[in-house]
N, C-alpha and C. Protein backbone atom coordinates (compact mmCIF):
# COMPACT_ATOMS: atom_id res chain seq x y z
N MET A 1 96.28 121.23 79.21
CA MET A 1 97.30 120.28 79.83
C MET A 1 98.48 120.53 79.15
N THR A 2 99.67 120.58 80.03
CA THR A 2 100.96 120.94 79.46
C THR A 2 101.43 119.69 78.74
N GLU A 3 102.08 119.73 77.88
CA GLU A 3 102.92 118.70 77.16
C GLU A 3 103.53 117.78 78.01
N ALA A 4 104.23 118.11 79.00
CA ALA A 4 104.99 117.33 80.04
C ALA A 4 103.88 116.38 80.73
N LEU A 5 103.03 116.90 81.39
CA LEU A 5 101.74 116.31 81.87
C LEU A 5 101.35 115.27 80.87
N ARG A 6 101.12 115.64 79.78
CA ARG A 6 100.65 114.51 78.87
C ARG A 6 101.45 113.48 78.25
N ALA A 7 102.74 113.67 78.62
CA ALA A 7 103.91 112.73 78.19
C ALA A 7 103.99 111.78 79.20
N VAL A 8 103.76 112.26 80.42
CA VAL A 8 103.91 111.37 81.70
C VAL A 8 102.92 110.56 81.82
N LEU A 9 101.41 111.03 81.57
CA LEU A 9 100.09 110.36 81.30
C LEU A 9 100.23 109.33 80.48
N ASP A 10 100.88 109.60 79.06
CA ASP A 10 101.27 108.72 78.35
C ASP A 10 101.87 107.26 78.68
N GLU A 11 102.83 107.72 79.54
CA GLU A 11 103.79 106.74 80.06
C GLU A 11 103.06 105.95 81.27
N ILE A 12 102.28 106.54 81.80
CA ILE A 12 101.66 105.98 82.98
C ILE A 12 100.47 104.75 82.15
N GLU A 13 99.88 105.25 81.24
CA GLU A 13 98.96 104.42 80.70
C GLU A 13 99.60 102.86 80.19
N LYS A 14 100.59 102.95 80.15
CA LYS A 14 101.56 101.54 79.56
C LYS A 14 101.65 100.93 80.80
N LEU A 15 101.55 101.24 82.10
CA LEU A 15 101.87 100.40 83.30
C LEU A 15 100.63 99.71 83.64
N PRO A 16 100.61 98.56 84.55
CA PRO A 16 99.62 97.82 84.86
C PRO A 16 98.46 98.51 85.57
N GLU A 17 97.42 97.93 85.74
CA GLU A 17 96.36 98.76 86.34
C GLU A 17 96.68 98.94 87.71
N GLU A 18 97.15 97.98 88.32
CA GLU A 18 97.14 98.48 89.71
C GLU A 18 98.28 99.53 89.93
N GLU A 19 99.50 99.65 89.26
CA GLU A 19 100.28 100.76 89.42
C GLU A 19 99.77 102.06 88.92
N GLN A 20 98.75 102.04 88.04
CA GLN A 20 98.24 103.41 87.64
C GLN A 20 97.18 103.55 88.56
N ASN A 21 96.60 102.92 89.28
CA ASN A 21 95.65 103.15 90.45
C ASN A 21 96.44 103.76 91.71
N ARG A 22 97.55 103.06 91.78
CA ARG A 22 98.51 103.72 92.77
C ARG A 22 98.78 105.11 92.71
N LEU A 23 99.34 105.27 91.48
CA LEU A 23 99.65 106.68 91.02
C LEU A 23 98.50 107.53 90.99
N ALA A 24 97.37 107.23 90.51
CA ALA A 24 96.11 108.25 90.48
C ALA A 24 95.78 108.47 91.91
N GLU A 25 95.86 107.43 92.84
CA GLU A 25 96.00 107.89 94.37
C GLU A 25 96.73 109.25 94.70
N LEU A 26 97.75 109.00 94.36
CA LEU A 26 98.97 109.69 94.87
C LEU A 26 98.60 111.34 94.26
N LEU A 27 98.26 111.36 93.02
CA LEU A 27 97.87 112.53 92.46
C LEU A 27 96.55 113.27 92.98
N GLU A 28 95.78 112.14 93.54
CA GLU A 28 94.51 112.67 93.98
C GLU A 28 94.80 113.61 95.33
N ARG A 29 95.76 112.90 96.31
CA ARG A 29 95.92 113.02 97.50
C ARG A 29 96.52 114.63 97.24
N GLU A 30 97.51 114.80 96.11
CA GLU A 30 98.18 116.02 96.30
C GLU A 30 97.08 116.88 95.61
N VAL A 31 96.28 117.17 94.84
CA VAL A 31 95.11 118.09 94.50
C VAL A 31 94.25 118.30 95.72
N GLU A 32 93.98 117.30 96.41
CA GLU A 32 93.03 117.49 97.58
C GLU A 32 94.04 118.34 98.66
N GLU A 33 95.06 118.12 98.92
CA GLU A 33 95.85 118.57 99.71
C GLU A 33 96.10 120.31 99.50
N ARG A 34 96.34 120.36 98.17
CA ARG A 34 96.50 122.03 97.64
C ARG A 34 94.46 122.66 97.62
N GLU A 35 93.88 121.80 97.62
CA GLU A 35 92.53 122.54 97.70
C GLU A 35 92.37 122.73 98.87
N TRP A 36 92.73 122.07 100.12
CA TRP A 36 92.75 122.26 101.55
C TRP A 36 93.51 123.13 101.94
N GLU A 37 94.89 123.49 101.40
CA GLU A 37 95.48 124.33 101.74
C GLU A 37 95.02 126.03 101.29
N ALA A 38 94.34 125.61 100.26
CA ALA A 38 93.74 126.91 99.74
C ALA A 38 92.37 127.43 100.36
N ILE A 39 91.82 126.64 101.00
CA ILE A 39 90.59 126.81 102.02
C ILE A 39 91.20 127.64 103.17
N THR A 40 92.10 126.58 103.62
CA THR A 40 92.69 127.19 105.02
C THR A 40 93.40 128.44 105.03
N SER A 41 93.84 128.69 103.86
CA SER A 41 94.64 130.05 104.00
C SER A 41 93.79 131.26 103.84
N LYS A 42 92.46 131.11 103.61
CA LYS A 42 91.81 132.23 103.26
C LYS A 42 91.38 132.94 104.84
N PRO A 43 91.24 134.17 104.57
CA PRO A 43 90.93 134.84 105.95
C PRO A 43 89.38 134.44 106.35
N GLY A 44 89.36 134.17 107.58
CA GLY A 44 88.09 133.91 108.30
C GLY A 44 88.28 132.37 108.38
N SER A 45 89.19 131.71 107.85
CA SER A 45 88.94 130.10 107.86
C SER A 45 89.09 129.52 109.21
N GLU A 46 89.80 130.30 110.19
CA GLU A 46 90.37 129.59 111.40
C GLU A 46 88.72 129.64 112.15
N ARG A 47 88.26 130.59 111.80
CA ARG A 47 86.87 130.88 112.59
C ARG A 47 85.94 129.77 111.98
N PHE A 48 85.77 129.40 110.80
CA PHE A 48 85.15 128.58 109.97
C PHE A 48 85.37 126.99 110.62
N LEU A 49 86.63 126.70 110.79
CA LEU A 49 87.30 125.62 111.18
C LEU A 49 86.53 125.16 112.48
N SER A 50 86.88 126.28 113.39
CA SER A 50 86.83 126.42 114.75
C SER A 50 85.20 125.88 114.76
N LYS A 51 84.23 126.40 114.24
CA LYS A 51 82.90 125.99 114.20
C LYS A 51 82.69 124.51 113.75
N LEU A 52 83.26 124.20 112.49
CA LEU A 52 83.08 122.81 112.58
C LEU A 52 83.55 122.03 113.31
N VAL A 53 84.68 122.12 114.05
CA VAL A 53 85.33 121.41 115.35
C VAL A 53 84.17 121.29 116.50
N GLU A 54 83.49 122.45 116.81
CA GLU A 54 82.61 122.49 117.79
C GLU A 54 81.25 121.39 117.39
N GLU A 55 80.89 121.78 115.87
CA GLU A 55 79.86 121.26 115.76
C GLU A 55 79.79 119.61 115.66
N ALA A 56 81.10 119.46 115.36
CA ALA A 56 81.52 117.63 115.13
C ALA A 56 81.70 116.90 116.94
N LEU A 57 82.14 118.18 117.74
CA LEU A 57 82.24 117.57 118.95
C LEU A 57 80.80 117.39 119.76
N GLU A 58 79.94 118.52 119.31
CA GLU A 58 78.77 118.41 119.93
C GLU A 58 77.85 117.12 119.35
N GLU A 59 77.98 116.90 118.09
CA GLU A 59 77.51 115.73 117.76
C GLU A 59 77.83 114.51 118.30
N ASP A 60 79.16 114.42 118.63
CA ASP A 60 79.69 113.22 119.38
C ASP A 60 79.02 113.11 120.36
N ARG A 61 79.22 114.26 121.50
CA ARG A 61 78.59 114.28 122.52
C ARG A 61 77.15 113.86 122.74
N ALA A 62 76.50 114.02 121.68
CA ALA A 62 74.95 113.75 121.60
C ALA A 62 74.91 112.21 121.34
N GLY A 63 75.93 111.71 120.97
CA GLY A 63 75.81 110.33 120.66
C GLY A 63 75.57 110.09 118.73
N ARG A 64 75.88 110.89 118.06
CA ARG A 64 75.10 111.07 116.65
C ARG A 64 76.59 110.76 115.65
N THR A 65 77.52 110.12 116.19
CA THR A 65 78.63 109.86 115.63
C THR A 65 78.79 108.04 115.70
N VAL A 66 79.73 107.77 114.77
CA VAL A 66 80.15 106.35 114.96
C VAL A 66 81.74 106.25 114.74
N GLU A 67 82.28 105.19 115.45
CA GLU A 67 83.73 104.86 115.01
C GLU A 67 84.21 104.71 113.91
N SER A 68 85.11 105.01 113.50
CA SER A 68 85.66 104.65 112.09
C SER A 68 87.01 104.22 112.25
N ASP A 69 87.69 103.23 111.21
CA ASP A 69 88.97 102.79 111.14
C ASP A 69 89.63 103.29 110.13
N ASP A 70 88.89 104.05 109.35
CA ASP A 70 89.80 105.00 108.13
C ASP A 70 90.79 105.76 108.62
N ASN A 71 91.83 105.61 107.85
CA ASN A 71 93.18 106.09 107.68
C ASN A 71 93.22 107.02 106.84
N TRP A 72 92.76 108.33 106.85
CA TRP A 72 92.80 109.16 105.79
C TRP A 72 94.02 109.59 105.43
């Protein structure tokens, strides 16, 4: 861990729990976005993602899915 990150985390520890959780969510989203970008930038990822979409649509047509109100 860099000293800069360590210093920021030390400051975040001083914040109220709600604010710490909000910042943790922001950092988690950033990490997840970077991971997704790494996955989708690999050769063959378009074919893989197309297969996932087709499988999801097939499951939906077969009635094996449920509605969700999650706002990712």
